[in-house]
Amino acid sequence: MRSADHIDRFRTDLSRLTAADRIGLAVSGGPDSMALLHLAAALPGRIEAATVDHGLRVEGAAEAALVARACAALGVPHATLHVEVARQASIQAAARRARYEALAGWARGRGLAVVATAHHADDQAETMLMRLGRGAGLPGLSGIRESCDLGGVLLIRPLLGWRRADLTAIVQGVEVADDPSNADPRHDRTHARAFLAMAGNRLDPARLAATAAHLAEAEAALDWMAGEAIRSRVERVGDGRILADLEGLPREIARRILARLIGESDSLVDGPTLDSAMARLDAGQVATLGALKLSPGRRISIEKAPPRR
């Protein structure tokens, strides 16, 4: 059951992330998101909720109906969003993209500038372990962000400082959905969750989440440094080329500058591809990334690659 202390804590966490009058909630029906719903219901007239039915499980419609009933009982407007998920190598990744696109569209349509999800400290710890196993760099190890842009809507995660057990206690006695995919051994998160449970106090999720927060601060500092360097070291010339003076910069700052400039001109580039391009530039060779050509020199030149014949 939620208590006055729970509500006060939630209000504090929420106010730190947004001052918006109205907030959308992403509620799947699981214990975590139902706890978010019950906490936010203490803000009458300020919240609306949406459930995304990915069409991947037969239980999806029943779970959306469960959330709709809970919202009706709490006086919270609710919508079910139906999406189609592309059948590809990573169904989870495709479902995530479709879910966030649907939530952003729903929020814009309802005039909601902010959407909150129920990610918590245990999710953060699991994410960090998964990314460690994949050899992630600082951006990946920074974990789940407290806030980010979602197609013009601010996505916030006010429960990142809460433990899963805290949220489960809030919805004790409340009907919630049980997603069997959470125990599917094909998913990395299932193994990360089992590893943390086995480690017990020797690997505290709250401390792992705190480490991710520290790394996020370092990530923000490096991003700021890259932005400052772009202002003083990058020139956009009349023929559409971009000239970047990266001489003497720490490699990580140079890497971030290139990633930003490539993103401006073409599209996002993954880490290994960018590293390969930088290695070619270091060797005095031209690198091609999608529709872009990167040429070495005192200043690296970024321009549209000529069409292939």
Protein backbone atom coordinates (compact mmCIF):
# COMPACT_ATOMS: atom_id res chain seq x y z
CA MET A 1 0.00 0.00 0.00
CA ARG A 2 1.21 3.49 -0.74
CA SER A 3 1.84 5.67 2.30
CA ALA A 4 2.11 9.42 2.86
CA ASP A 5 5.89 8.99 2.94
CA HIS A 6 5.79 7.25 -0.44
CA ILE A 7 3.77 10.10 -1.93
CA ASP A 8 6.03 12.80 -0.46
CA ARG A 9 9.08 11.01 -1.84
CA PHE A 10 7.47 10.65 -5.25
CA ARG A 11 6.48 14.33 -5.36
CA THR A 12 10.07 15.30 -4.54
CA ASP A 13 11.55 13.01 -7.21
CA LEU A 14 9.04 14.19 -9.79
CA SER A 15 9.52 17.90 -9.09
CA ARG A 16 13.27 17.49 -9.56
CA LEU A 17 12.67 16.35 -13.14
CA THR A 18 9.73 18.45 -14.31
CA ALA A 19 7.45 21.32 -13.35
CA ALA A 20 4.85 20.39 -15.97
CA ASP A 21 1.21 20.76 -14.98
CA ARG A 22 0.18 17.56 -16.76
CA ILE A 23 2.11 14.32 -17.13
CA GLY A 24 1.57 11.17 -19.14
CA LEU A 25 2.32 7.77 -17.63
CA ALA A 26 3.43 4.65 -19.49
CA VAL A 27 1.65 1.82 -17.65
CA SER A 28 2.02 -1.77 -18.86
CA GLY A 29 0.14 -3.38 -16.00
CA GLY A 30 3.22 -4.91 -14.36
CA PRO A 31 4.00 -4.24 -10.68
CA ASP A 32 6.47 -1.41 -11.37
CA SER A 33 4.26 0.64 -13.67
CA MET A 34 1.17 -0.01 -11.53
CA ALA A 35 3.11 1.38 -8.56
CA LEU A 36 3.90 4.45 -10.67
CA LEU A 37 0.19 4.80 -11.45
CA HIS A 38 -0.82 4.56 -7.79
CA LEU A 39 1.84 7.07 -6.72
CA ALA A 40 0.94 9.54 -9.46
CA ALA A 41 -2.78 9.17 -8.70
CA ALA A 42 -2.03 11.39 -5.69
CA LEU A 43 -1.81 14.24 -8.24
CA PRO A 44 -5.49 14.42 -9.29
CA GLY A 45 -6.20 16.16 -12.58
CA ARG A 46 -2.52 16.20 -13.55
CA ILE A 47 -2.01 12.75 -15.05
CA GLU A 48 -3.13 10.55 -17.92
CA ALA A 49 -2.00 6.99 -18.64
CA ALA A 50 -1.39 4.91 -21.74
CA THR A 51 -0.78 1.21 -22.27
CA VAL A 52 0.98 -0.03 -25.40
CA ASP A 53 -0.26 -3.34 -26.84
CA HIS A 54 2.52 -4.60 -29.10
CA GLY A 55 0.41 -7.42 -30.49
CA LEU A 56 3.18 -9.90 -29.65
CA ARG A 57 1.39 -11.80 -26.86
CA VAL A 58 -2.22 -12.90 -26.57
CA GLU A 59 -2.23 -11.54 -23.00
CA GLY A 60 -1.58 -7.98 -24.24
CA ALA A 61 -5.25 -7.04 -24.65
CA ALA A 62 -6.16 -8.38 -21.20
CA GLU A 63 -3.28 -6.47 -19.61
CA ALA A 64 -4.40 -3.24 -21.28
CA ALA A 65 -7.93 -3.86 -20.00
CA LEU A 66 -6.56 -4.43 -16.49
CA VAL A 67 -4.82 -1.04 -16.59
CA ALA A 68 -7.95 0.61 -17.97
CA ARG A 69 -9.98 -0.72 -15.02
CA ALA A 70 -7.38 0.46 -12.52
CA CYS A 71 -7.30 3.91 -14.10
CA ALA A 72 -11.09 4.15 -14.06
CA ALA A 73 -11.11 3.30 -10.35
CA LEU A 74 -8.48 5.99 -9.69
CA GLY A 75 -10.10 8.60 -11.92
CA VAL A 76 -7.19 8.67 -14.38
CA PRO A 77 -7.85 9.02 -18.14
CA HIS A 78 -6.46 6.01 -20.02
CA ALA A 79 -5.74 5.03 -23.61
CA THR A 80 -4.61 1.77 -25.19
CA LEU A 81 -2.12 2.23 -28.03
CA HIS A 82 -1.88 -0.56 -30.62
CA VAL A 83 1.40 -0.90 -32.51
CA GLU A 84 2.89 -3.25 -35.07
CA VAL A 85 6.36 -4.57 -34.31
CA ALA A 86 8.68 -5.56 -37.14
CA ARG A 87 9.77 -9.19 -36.92
CA GLN A 88 13.54 -8.88 -36.87
CA ALA A 89 16.59 -10.19 -35.03
CA SER A 90 15.88 -8.26 -31.83
CA ILE A 91 12.15 -8.30 -31.19
CA GLN A 92 12.71 -6.55 -27.86
CA ALA A 93 14.57 -3.65 -29.48
CA ALA A 94 11.93 -3.30 -32.21
CA ALA A 95 9.15 -3.37 -29.60
CA ARG A 96 10.94 -0.71 -27.56
CA ARG A 97 11.20 1.61 -30.57
CA ALA A 98 7.56 1.09 -31.50
CA ARG A 99 6.49 1.64 -27.89
CA TYR A 100 8.32 4.93 -27.48
CA GLU A 101 7.14 6.21 -30.87
CA ALA A 102 3.55 5.41 -29.90
CA LEU A 103 3.90 7.07 -26.49
CA ALA A 104 5.40 10.21 -28.01
CA GLY A 105 2.59 10.42 -30.58
CA TRP A 106 -0.05 9.89 -27.89
CA ALA A 107 1.50 12.56 -25.65
CA ARG A 108 1.65 15.12 -28.44
CA GLY A 109 -1.95 14.39 -29.36
CA ARG A 110 -3.06 14.88 -25.74
CA GLY A 111 -1.01 18.04 -25.26
CA LEU A 112 1.29 16.35 -22.74
CA ALA A 113 4.85 17.68 -22.71
CA VAL A 114 6.13 14.95 -20.36
CA VAL A 115 5.83 11.15 -20.19
CA ALA A 116 7.04 9.15 -17.17
CA THR A 117 8.07 5.51 -17.11
CA ALA A 118 8.60 3.21 -14.11
CA HIS A 119 12.27 2.26 -14.55
CA HIS A 120 13.88 1.80 -11.13
CA ALA A 121 17.25 1.14 -9.47
CA ASP A 122 17.16 -2.62 -10.12
CA ASP A 123 16.52 -1.96 -13.83
CA GLN A 124 19.50 0.40 -13.79
CA ALA A 125 21.77 -2.23 -12.19
CA GLU A 126 20.65 -4.88 -14.69
CA THR A 127 21.26 -2.52 -17.60
CA MET A 128 24.75 -1.72 -16.35
CA LEU A 129 25.65 -5.41 -16.05
CA MET A 130 24.32 -6.16 -19.53
CA ARG A 131 26.33 -3.33 -21.05
CA LEU A 132 29.47 -4.32 -19.16
CA GLY A 133 29.15 -7.73 -20.75
CA ARG A 134 28.95 -6.12 -24.19
CA GLY A 135 32.08 -4.02 -23.66
CA ALA A 136 30.17 -0.72 -23.59
CA GLY A 137 31.95 2.60 -23.25
CA LEU A 138 31.05 5.48 -20.97
CA PRO A 139 27.77 6.38 -22.73
CA GLY A 140 26.48 2.81 -22.32
CA LEU A 141 27.72 2.39 -18.75
CA SER A 142 25.93 5.62 -17.78
CA GLY A 143 22.85 3.44 -17.93
CA ILE A 144 19.25 4.56 -18.15
CA ARG A 145 18.96 8.35 -18.27
CA GLU A 146 16.70 10.16 -15.80
CA SER A 147 15.37 12.23 -18.68
CA CYS A 148 15.75 12.51 -22.44
CA ASP A 149 13.97 13.89 -25.49
CA LEU A 150 11.39 11.63 -27.09
CA GLY A 151 10.34 13.21 -30.36
CA GLY A 152 9.65 16.60 -28.79
CA VAL A 153 8.28 15.08 -25.58
CA LEU A 154 10.33 14.93 -22.37
CA LEU A 155 10.70 11.33 -21.19
CA ILE A 156 11.37 11.12 -17.44
CA ARG A 157 12.06 8.27 -15.03
CA PRO A 158 11.20 9.52 -11.54
CA LEU A 159 11.60 6.08 -9.90
CA LEU A 160 15.27 5.46 -10.77
CA GLY A 161 16.17 5.88 -7.10
CA TRP A 162 13.55 3.35 -5.95
CA ARG A 163 14.12 -0.38 -5.46
CA ARG A 164 11.89 -3.00 -7.06
CA ALA A 165 10.89 -4.21 -3.59
CA ASP A 166 9.66 -0.70 -2.68
CA LEU A 167 7.37 -0.64 -5.69
CA THR A 168 6.13 -4.19 -5.16
CA ALA A 169 5.14 -3.26 -1.61
CA ILE A 170 3.11 -0.30 -2.87
CA VAL A 171 0.91 -2.53 -5.05
CA GLN A 172 0.54 -5.35 -2.54
CA GLY A 173 -3.05 -6.53 -2.86
CA VAL A 174 -3.49 -4.76 -6.21
CA GLU A 175 -4.17 -6.83 -9.34
CA VAL A 176 -1.12 -6.64 -11.62
CA ALA A 177 -0.02 -8.36 -14.82
CA ASP A 178 2.72 -10.97 -14.94
CA ASP A 179 4.78 -10.80 -18.13
CA PRO A 180 6.34 -14.25 -18.69
CA SER A 181 8.99 -12.73 -20.98
CA ASN A 182 10.68 -11.38 -17.83
CA ALA A 183 11.80 -14.95 -17.13
CA ASP A 184 12.65 -15.84 -20.74
CA PRO A 185 16.24 -17.19 -20.80
CA ARG A 186 16.70 -15.87 -24.34
CA HIS A 187 16.88 -12.33 -22.96
CA ASP A 188 20.07 -10.88 -21.47
CA ARG A 189 18.10 -9.03 -18.80
CA THR A 190 16.78 -12.31 -17.41
CA HIS A 191 20.35 -13.49 -16.78
CA ALA A 192 21.42 -10.13 -15.33
CA ARG A 193 18.50 -10.25 -12.90
CA ALA A 194 19.38 -13.81 -11.86
CA PHE A 195 23.05 -12.87 -11.40
CA LEU A 196 22.15 -9.97 -9.10
CA ALA A 197 19.82 -12.18 -7.08
CA MET A 198 22.56 -14.79 -6.69
CA ALA A 199 25.15 -12.17 -5.68
CA GLY A 200 22.93 -10.84 -2.88
CA ASN A 201 24.51 -8.09 -0.78
CA ARG A 202 27.89 -8.57 -2.47
CA LEU A 203 26.60 -6.74 -5.54
CA ASP A 204 24.04 -4.21 -4.36
CA PRO A 205 21.78 -2.90 -7.17
CA ALA A 206 21.43 0.44 -5.40
CA ARG A 207 25.21 0.91 -5.41
CA LEU A 208 25.45 -0.15 -9.04
CA ALA A 209 22.75 2.40 -9.85
CA ALA A 210 24.73 5.05 -7.95
CA THR A 211 27.82 4.17 -10.01
CA ALA A 212 25.78 4.59 -13.20
CA ALA A 213 24.70 8.03 -11.96
CA HIS A 214 28.34 9.04 -11.37
CA LEU A 215 29.26 7.83 -14.84
CA ALA A 216 26.34 9.79 -16.30
CA GLU A 217 27.81 12.95 -14.74
CA ALA A 218 31.18 12.18 -16.32
CA GLU A 219 29.44 11.52 -19.64
CA ALA A 220 27.69 14.90 -19.45
CA ALA A 221 31.01 16.63 -18.68
CA LEU A 222 32.72 15.07 -21.70
CA ASP A 223 29.77 15.99 -23.90
CA TRP A 224 30.05 19.59 -22.69
CA MET A 225 33.78 19.63 -23.46
CA ALA A 226 33.08 18.30 -26.96
CA GLY A 227 30.48 21.02 -27.49
CA GLU A 228 32.94 23.72 -26.44
CA ALA A 229 35.58 22.30 -28.78
CA ILE A 230 33.10 22.29 -31.68
CA ARG A 231 32.47 26.00 -31.18
CA SER A 232 36.16 26.86 -31.40
CA ARG A 233 37.54 24.17 -33.75
CA VAL A 234 34.86 23.45 -36.35
CA GLU A 235 34.19 25.50 -39.48
CA ARG A 236 31.28 25.02 -41.87
CA VAL A 237 32.34 26.25 -45.28
CA GLY A 238 30.21 27.45 -48.17
CA ASP A 239 30.45 24.32 -50.31
CA GLY A 240 28.78 22.21 -47.62
CA ARG A 241 31.96 20.78 -46.17
CA ILE A 242 32.71 20.68 -42.47
CA LEU A 243 36.32 21.20 -41.35
CA ALA A 244 37.28 19.95 -37.89
CA ASP A 245 40.61 20.69 -36.20
CA LEU A 246 41.07 17.75 -33.81
CA GLU A 247 44.82 18.15 -33.34
CA GLY A 248 45.96 17.84 -29.72
CA LEU A 249 42.54 16.87 -28.38
CA PRO A 250 42.03 13.82 -26.15
CA ARG A 251 40.86 10.96 -28.35
CA GLU A 252 37.52 10.67 -26.56
CA ILE A 253 36.73 14.34 -27.21
CA ALA A 254 37.75 13.99 -30.87
CA ARG A 255 35.57 10.90 -31.10
CA ARG A 256 32.54 12.74 -29.73
CA ILE A 257 33.09 15.68 -32.05
CA LEU A 258 33.14 13.40 -35.09
CA ALA A 259 30.07 11.51 -33.89
CA ARG A 260 28.13 14.76 -33.53
CA LEU A 261 29.21 16.14 -36.88
CA ILE A 262 28.41 12.89 -38.66
CA GLY A 263 25.02 12.83 -36.94
CA GLU A 264 24.29 16.37 -38.14
CA SER A 265 25.19 15.56 -41.73
CA ASP A 266 23.94 12.04 -42.19
CA SER A 267 22.82 9.74 -39.39
CA LEU A 268 23.88 8.23 -36.10
CA VAL A 269 26.93 5.99 -36.28
CA ASP A 270 27.73 3.08 -33.98
CA GLY A 271 30.92 2.98 -31.93
CA PRO A 272 32.83 0.25 -33.80
CA THR A 273 32.14 1.89 -37.17
CA LEU A 274 33.34 5.26 -35.87
CA ASP A 275 36.47 3.68 -34.38
CA SER A 276 37.24 2.05 -37.73
CA ALA A 277 36.84 5.40 -39.51
CA MET A 278 39.13 7.12 -37.00
CA ALA A 279 41.77 4.42 -37.51
CA ARG A 280 41.71 5.07 -41.26
CA LEU A 281 42.06 8.82 -40.70
CA ASP A 282 44.99 8.20 -38.32
CA ALA A 283 46.64 6.20 -41.11
CA GLY A 284 46.16 9.07 -43.56
CA GLN A 285 43.39 7.30 -45.45
CA VAL A 286 39.94 8.48 -46.53
CA ALA A 287 37.02 6.96 -44.60
CA THR A 288 33.49 6.55 -45.93
CA LEU A 289 30.50 6.45 -43.58
CA GLY A 290 27.19 6.00 -45.35
CA ALA A 291 26.80 9.01 -47.63
CA LEU A 292 29.76 10.86 -46.09
CA LYS A 293 33.44 11.03 -46.97
CA LEU A 294 35.95 11.89 -44.25
CA SER A 295 39.35 13.07 -45.49
CA PRO A 296 42.48 13.32 -43.32
CA GLY A 297 44.64 16.41 -42.95
CA ARG A 298 45.48 19.10 -40.40
CA ARG A 299 41.74 19.62 -40.37
CA ILE A 300 39.51 16.64 -41.08
CA SER A 301 37.08 17.32 -43.91
CA ILE A 302 33.55 15.91 -43.81
CA GLU A 303 31.51 16.10 -47.00
CA LYS A 304 28.96 14.22 -49.04
CA ALA A 305 30.57 11.29 -50.81
CA PRO A 306 30.29 11.33 -54.61
CA PRO A 307 27.65 8.95 -55.98
CA ARG A 308 28.89 5.50 -56.84
CA ARG A 309 28.99 4.65 -60.52
